[in-house]
Amino acid sequence: MCYRRGAIELEKNAISEATRRAIVDELCAGDAFWPGRLREDEFLARMFDLTSMPSRDYRFRNAGGDIRQHRNDWHDWDDDWVFYDERFNILRSPDDVFLQFLVETVHPVVRPNTDVALRLVSMYNQHLAADGWQLVEVSRISGRPVFAASKAGARSVVFEEPTGWQKVDRQLQEIRARLDAAKTEEDFQTIGLLCREVLISAAQAVFDPARHPTLDGVRASDTDAKRMLEAIIEVELRGGANEEARTQARAAVRLAVALQHDRSADFRSAALTAEAASSVVNLLAVLSGRRRGSI
């Protein structure tokens, strides 16, 4: 069976049912309940829109209502109900859904005890290794590790948490959603425009004309991401050793601008542009002191 994500076809699940059941069996048999310190409806709402999912109980309008009734109030469903509920389909869901479920069980908001979280990650990784996946630490919240899924031996996503620049975070979320749903050339061109806008917003958040003189002496307008980015990186990453970082920022802007006018834009070019824009945003977040966790 294949799943479609935007314009790209995803391969059959790499994580086998045997691996999933082994993880679920250990999770259910242990003393670390899957939703951690959250109520079960609160935990699932981090991944699913419970208000748009059907209720299994005719007395309630949606999944959120029947979960609260049967688990919080009556507690008449088994503790492992979520793994066998067809609405969530955890055992047979696409790999990204299953992996995100595991990631959420060890998130600091869900699992504040770091020792317990690390123990769960170790157990998950022992089983996931057979299928070429692992959970890796990508950042920290208040000193506690945040994990993300990564193919074994592959580059992992460095940052998953918001930057704290609300406009930038909203724009990045919009880019991810548009890329996920894009099908036409016009859709992919729009992603280029959004990438350019997020770079402008991030540059505006960091750029200080007094601290960051432009390289050519021309005053940077409020929408001149290229000049602002070049000035920021020239000051904050001085020296020839950082030339790659300066090149990366310039290339990201050029990619985003070029994609807007590319009548043959496709998923690959849009995804590359989104990746480049996201990496520059994270670079700016590091330079501005907003990223202080371990990389």
Protein backbone atom coordinates (compact mmCIF):
# COMPACT_ATOMS: atom_id res chain seq x y z
CA MET A 1 0.00 0.00 0.00
CA CYS A 2 1.26 3.51 -0.82
CA TYR A 3 0.37 6.84 0.74
CA ARG A 4 0.42 10.20 -1.03
CA ARG A 5 1.88 13.31 0.54
CA GLY A 6 1.32 16.29 -1.71
CA ALA A 7 2.78 15.49 -5.13
CA ILE A 8 5.18 12.81 -3.96
CA GLU A 9 4.34 9.16 -3.44
CA LEU A 10 5.62 7.70 -0.20
CA GLU A 11 6.83 4.12 -0.14
CA LYS A 12 5.22 1.32 1.83
CA ASN A 13 5.80 1.57 5.58
CA ALA A 14 9.36 0.75 6.56
CA ILE A 15 8.46 0.11 10.21
CA SER A 16 6.95 -3.34 10.38
CA GLU A 17 3.91 -4.39 12.37
CA ALA A 18 6.18 -6.70 14.36
CA THR A 19 8.32 -3.74 15.45
CA ARG A 20 5.26 -1.66 16.28
CA ARG A 21 3.66 -4.40 18.36
CA ALA A 22 6.91 -5.01 20.25
CA ILE A 23 7.10 -1.32 21.14
CA VAL A 24 3.42 -1.14 22.09
CA ASP A 25 3.68 -4.29 24.24
CA GLU A 26 6.61 -2.89 26.21
CA LEU A 27 5.00 0.53 26.51
CA CYS A 28 1.78 -0.95 27.88
CA ALA A 29 3.55 -3.39 30.21
CA GLY A 30 5.79 -0.72 31.73
CA ASP A 31 5.08 1.95 34.33
CA ALA A 32 5.33 4.89 31.89
CA PHE A 33 1.76 5.42 30.69
CA TRP A 34 1.72 6.63 27.05
CA PRO A 35 0.10 10.08 27.61
CA GLY A 36 2.48 10.94 30.44
CA ARG A 37 1.15 13.65 32.70
CA LEU A 38 -1.52 14.74 30.21
CA ARG A 39 -5.06 13.49 29.92
CA GLU A 40 -5.45 11.15 26.97
CA ASP A 41 -7.58 13.59 24.99
CA GLU A 42 -5.00 16.34 25.63
CA PHE A 43 -2.19 14.10 24.40
CA LEU A 44 -4.01 13.04 21.24
CA ALA A 45 -5.02 16.62 20.48
CA ARG A 46 -1.31 17.36 20.01
CA MET A 47 -1.43 15.17 16.90
CA PHE A 48 -5.05 14.93 15.77
CA ASP A 49 -8.03 17.25 15.41
CA LEU A 50 -10.36 15.40 17.77
CA THR A 51 -13.25 17.77 17.01
CA SER A 52 -13.37 16.57 13.39
CA MET A 53 -13.11 12.85 14.22
CA PRO A 54 -16.28 10.80 14.80
CA SER A 55 -17.42 9.58 18.19
CA ARG A 56 -17.85 5.87 18.86
CA ASP A 57 -20.61 6.78 21.33
CA TYR A 58 -23.78 8.26 19.79
CA ARG A 59 -24.20 10.55 22.81
CA PHE A 60 -21.13 12.61 21.89
CA ARG A 61 -20.46 14.78 18.87
CA ASN A 62 -16.81 13.89 18.27
CA ALA A 63 -13.84 11.81 19.42
CA GLY A 64 -12.86 14.35 22.05
CA GLY A 65 -16.20 13.90 23.80
CA ASP A 66 -16.22 10.13 23.94
CA ILE A 67 -12.56 9.91 24.99
CA ARG A 68 -13.19 12.27 27.90
CA GLN A 69 -16.29 10.34 28.94
CA HIS A 70 -14.93 6.81 28.65
CA ARG A 71 -11.38 7.43 29.82
CA ASN A 72 -11.46 10.45 32.14
CA ASP A 73 -14.87 9.91 33.75
CA TRP A 74 -15.85 6.26 33.48
CA HIS A 75 -12.49 4.68 32.66
CA ASP A 76 -14.29 1.74 31.00
CA TRP A 77 -11.95 1.44 28.00
CA ASP A 78 -8.73 -0.56 28.32
CA ASP A 79 -5.53 1.43 28.85
CA ASP A 80 -4.21 0.32 25.45
CA TRP A 81 -7.41 1.28 23.59
CA VAL A 82 -5.70 3.92 21.41
CA PHE A 83 -3.50 1.37 19.65
CA TYR A 84 -6.52 -0.57 18.39
CA ASP A 85 -8.90 2.31 17.69
CA GLU A 86 -9.42 2.54 13.92
CA ARG A 87 -9.70 6.33 14.11
CA PHE A 88 -6.05 6.65 15.06
CA ASN A 89 -4.77 3.40 13.54
CA ILE A 90 -1.46 3.66 15.39
CA LEU A 91 -0.39 0.09 14.65
CA ARG A 92 -0.91 0.42 10.90
CA SER A 93 -0.61 4.17 10.32
CA PRO A 94 1.98 5.71 7.98
CA ASP A 95 5.47 5.67 9.47
CA ASP A 96 5.46 9.42 10.14
CA VAL A 97 2.31 9.15 12.29
CA PHE A 98 3.65 6.21 14.30
CA LEU A 99 7.00 7.91 14.83
CA GLN A 100 5.36 11.19 15.83
CA PHE A 101 3.28 9.31 18.40
CA LEU A 102 6.51 7.95 19.93
CA VAL A 103 8.13 11.40 19.82
CA GLU A 104 5.16 12.92 21.65
CA THR A 105 5.33 10.32 24.45
CA VAL A 106 8.81 11.60 25.39
CA HIS A 107 8.25 15.33 24.83
CA PRO A 108 9.07 17.40 27.96
CA VAL A 109 5.50 18.71 28.10
CA VAL A 110 4.24 15.13 28.23
CA ARG A 111 7.14 13.45 30.06
CA PRO A 112 8.93 15.96 32.34
CA ASN A 113 11.02 13.25 34.01
CA THR A 114 14.11 13.11 31.80
CA ASP A 115 15.27 9.75 33.14
CA VAL A 116 11.97 8.13 32.19
CA ALA A 117 12.00 9.79 28.78
CA LEU A 118 15.53 8.54 28.08
CA ARG A 119 14.57 5.03 29.16
CA LEU A 120 11.65 5.05 26.73
CA VAL A 121 13.81 6.40 23.90
CA SER A 122 16.34 3.64 24.50
CA MET A 123 13.58 1.02 24.33
CA TYR A 124 12.11 2.55 21.17
CA ASN A 125 15.49 2.68 19.46
CA GLN A 126 16.30 -0.94 20.24
CA HIS A 127 13.22 -1.99 18.28
CA LEU A 128 13.31 0.70 15.58
CA ALA A 129 16.92 -0.14 14.66
CA ALA A 130 15.76 -3.26 12.84
CA ASP A 131 13.81 -1.07 10.42
CA GLY A 132 16.42 1.67 10.03
CA TRP A 133 14.91 4.36 12.28
CA GLN A 134 15.79 6.02 15.56
CA LEU A 135 14.80 8.89 17.84
CA VAL A 136 17.53 11.49 18.34
CA GLU A 137 17.80 14.56 20.55
CA VAL A 138 17.37 17.72 18.46
CA SER A 139 17.00 20.50 21.05
CA ARG A 140 16.15 21.22 24.68
CA ILE A 141 13.34 22.90 26.58
CA SER A 142 14.26 24.14 30.06
CA GLY A 143 17.18 21.70 30.05
CA ARG A 144 15.03 18.73 29.04
CA PRO A 145 15.68 16.92 25.73
CA VAL A 146 13.35 17.17 22.73
CA PHE A 147 13.48 14.26 20.28
CA ALA A 148 12.70 13.78 16.60
CA ALA A 149 12.64 10.74 14.35
CA SER A 150 15.54 10.19 11.97
CA LYS A 151 16.58 7.48 9.55
CA ALA A 152 19.62 5.73 10.91
CA GLY A 153 22.72 7.36 9.47
CA ALA A 154 20.77 10.27 7.99
CA ARG A 155 20.92 13.96 8.89
CA SER A 156 18.28 14.66 11.51
CA VAL A 157 16.14 17.76 11.80
CA VAL A 158 18.06 20.04 14.14
CA PHE A 159 15.22 22.18 15.42
CA GLU A 160 11.59 21.30 16.00
CA GLU A 161 10.57 23.96 18.53
CA PRO A 162 9.26 27.40 17.47
CA THR A 163 11.69 30.30 17.20
CA GLY A 164 9.52 32.58 19.32
CA TRP A 165 9.11 35.03 16.44
CA GLN A 166 5.36 34.57 16.11
CA LYS A 167 5.06 35.79 12.53
CA VAL A 168 8.02 33.67 11.40
CA ASP A 169 6.64 30.58 13.12
CA ARG A 170 3.22 31.08 11.52
CA GLN A 171 4.81 31.45 8.10
CA LEU A 172 6.96 28.32 8.53
CA GLN A 173 3.88 26.37 9.54
CA GLU A 174 2.06 27.65 6.47
CA ILE A 175 4.96 26.62 4.22
CA ARG A 176 4.91 23.08 5.63
CA ALA A 177 1.15 22.83 5.21
CA ARG A 178 1.23 24.17 1.63
CA LEU A 179 4.09 21.85 0.66
CA ASP A 180 2.17 18.93 2.12
CA ALA A 181 -0.90 19.72 0.01
CA ALA A 182 0.71 21.13 -3.16
CA LYS A 183 -0.26 19.50 -6.46
CA THR A 184 0.00 22.08 -9.26
CA GLU A 185 2.83 24.25 -10.58
CA GLU A 186 0.99 27.27 -9.19
CA ASP A 187 0.94 25.65 -5.74
CA PHE A 188 4.70 25.12 -5.85
CA GLN A 189 5.30 28.70 -7.07
CA THR A 190 3.31 29.96 -4.09
CA ILE A 191 5.67 28.11 -1.78
CA GLY A 192 8.51 30.13 -3.28
CA LEU A 193 6.67 33.34 -2.42
CA LEU A 194 6.04 32.15 1.13
CA CYS A 195 9.72 31.22 1.52
CA ARG A 196 10.73 34.71 0.44
CA GLU A 197 8.26 36.22 2.93
CA VAL A 198 9.52 34.14 5.85
CA LEU A 199 13.10 35.17 5.08
CA ILE A 200 12.02 38.83 5.06
CA SER A 201 10.24 38.40 8.40
CA ALA A 202 13.21 36.64 10.01
CA ALA A 203 15.65 39.21 8.66
CA GLN A 204 13.48 42.04 9.98
CA ALA A 205 13.46 40.40 13.43
CA VAL A 206 17.28 40.41 13.62
CA PHE A 207 18.47 43.25 11.41
CA ASP A 208 19.76 46.37 13.20
CA PRO A 209 20.95 49.09 10.77
CA ALA A 210 23.36 50.48 13.37
CA ARG A 211 24.98 47.10 13.98
CA HIS A 212 24.62 45.57 10.52
CA PRO A 213 25.84 47.94 7.78
CA THR A 214 25.00 46.68 4.29
CA LEU A 215 27.88 45.37 2.22
CA ASP A 216 27.38 47.86 -0.62
CA GLY A 217 26.47 50.84 1.56
CA VAL A 218 22.94 51.01 0.14
CA ARG A 219 20.23 51.33 2.76
CA ALA A 220 18.23 48.08 3.07
CA SER A 221 14.50 48.53 2.65
CA ASP A 222 12.12 46.70 4.98
CA THR A 223 11.60 43.99 2.34
CA ASP A 224 15.19 43.66 1.13
CA ALA A 225 15.91 40.25 2.66
CA LYS A 226 19.05 39.76 0.59
CA ARG A 227 20.80 42.89 1.86
CA MET A 228 19.64 42.39 5.44
CA LEU A 229 20.73 38.75 5.54
CA GLU A 230 24.11 39.48 4.01
CA ALA A 231 24.71 42.30 6.50
CA ILE A 232 23.64 40.20 9.50
CA ILE A 233 25.79 37.24 8.58
CA GLU A 234 28.79 39.40 7.64
CA VAL A 235 28.79 40.91 11.14
CA GLU A 236 27.73 37.92 13.22
CA LEU A 237 29.89 35.39 11.36
CA ARG A 238 32.98 37.32 10.44
CA GLY A 239 35.93 35.69 8.74
CA GLY A 240 36.65 33.39 5.85
CA ALA A 241 35.82 30.30 7.90
CA ASN A 242 32.16 31.29 7.77
CA GLU A 243 31.91 31.86 4.04
CA GLU A 244 29.70 28.77 3.65
CA ALA A 245 27.08 30.27 5.99
CA ARG A 246 27.04 33.51 4.05
CA THR A 247 26.70 31.60 0.79
CA GLN A 248 23.83 29.55 2.20
CA ALA A 249 21.78 32.62 3.12
CA ARG A 250 22.27 34.24 -0.29
CA ALA A 251 21.41 31.00 -2.07
CA ALA A 252 18.20 30.56 -0.05
CA VAL A 253 16.93 33.98 -1.11
CA ARG A 254 17.80 33.35 -4.75
CA LEU A 255 16.05 29.97 -4.67
CA ALA A 256 12.87 31.46 -3.22
CA VAL A 257 12.75 34.32 -5.72
CA ALA A 258 13.50 32.08 -8.71
CA LEU A 259 10.81 29.57 -7.77
CA GLN A 260 8.06 32.22 -7.87
CA HIS A 261 8.67 32.67 -11.61
CA ASP A 262 9.35 29.02 -12.46
CA ARG A 263 6.45 27.81 -14.63
CA SER A 264 7.74 24.25 -14.34
CA ALA A 265 8.04 24.36 -10.53
CA ASP A 266 7.66 20.92 -8.96
CA PHE A 267 7.78 19.25 -5.56
CA ARG A 268 11.55 18.83 -5.57
CA SER A 269 12.35 22.49 -6.24
CA ALA A 270 9.70 23.65 -3.77
CA ALA A 271 10.97 21.27 -1.06
CA LEU A 272 14.57 22.37 -1.60
CA THR A 273 13.53 26.01 -1.31
CA ALA A 274 11.53 25.34 1.86
CA GLU A 275 14.47 23.46 3.38
CA ALA A 276 16.87 26.29 2.51
CA ALA A 277 14.56 28.95 3.95
CA SER A 278 14.00 26.96 7.13
CA SER A 279 17.74 26.45 7.62
CA VAL A 280 18.39 30.20 7.28
CA VAL A 281 15.66 30.96 9.82
CA ASN A 282 17.29 28.54 12.26
CA LEU A 283 20.70 30.07 11.54
CA LEU A 284 19.33 33.52 12.39
CA ALA A 285 17.71 32.11 15.54
CA VAL A 286 21.09 30.75 16.64
CA LEU A 287 22.90 34.03 15.90
CA SER A 288 20.29 36.02 17.80
CA GLY A 289 20.52 33.78 20.87
CA ARG A 290 17.07 32.21 20.52
CA ARG A 291 18.54 28.74 20.05
CA ARG A 292 20.55 27.78 23.12
CA GLY A 293 20.01 24.05 23.31
CA SER A 294 22.44 21.35 22.31
CA ILE A 295 22.78 20.68 18.57
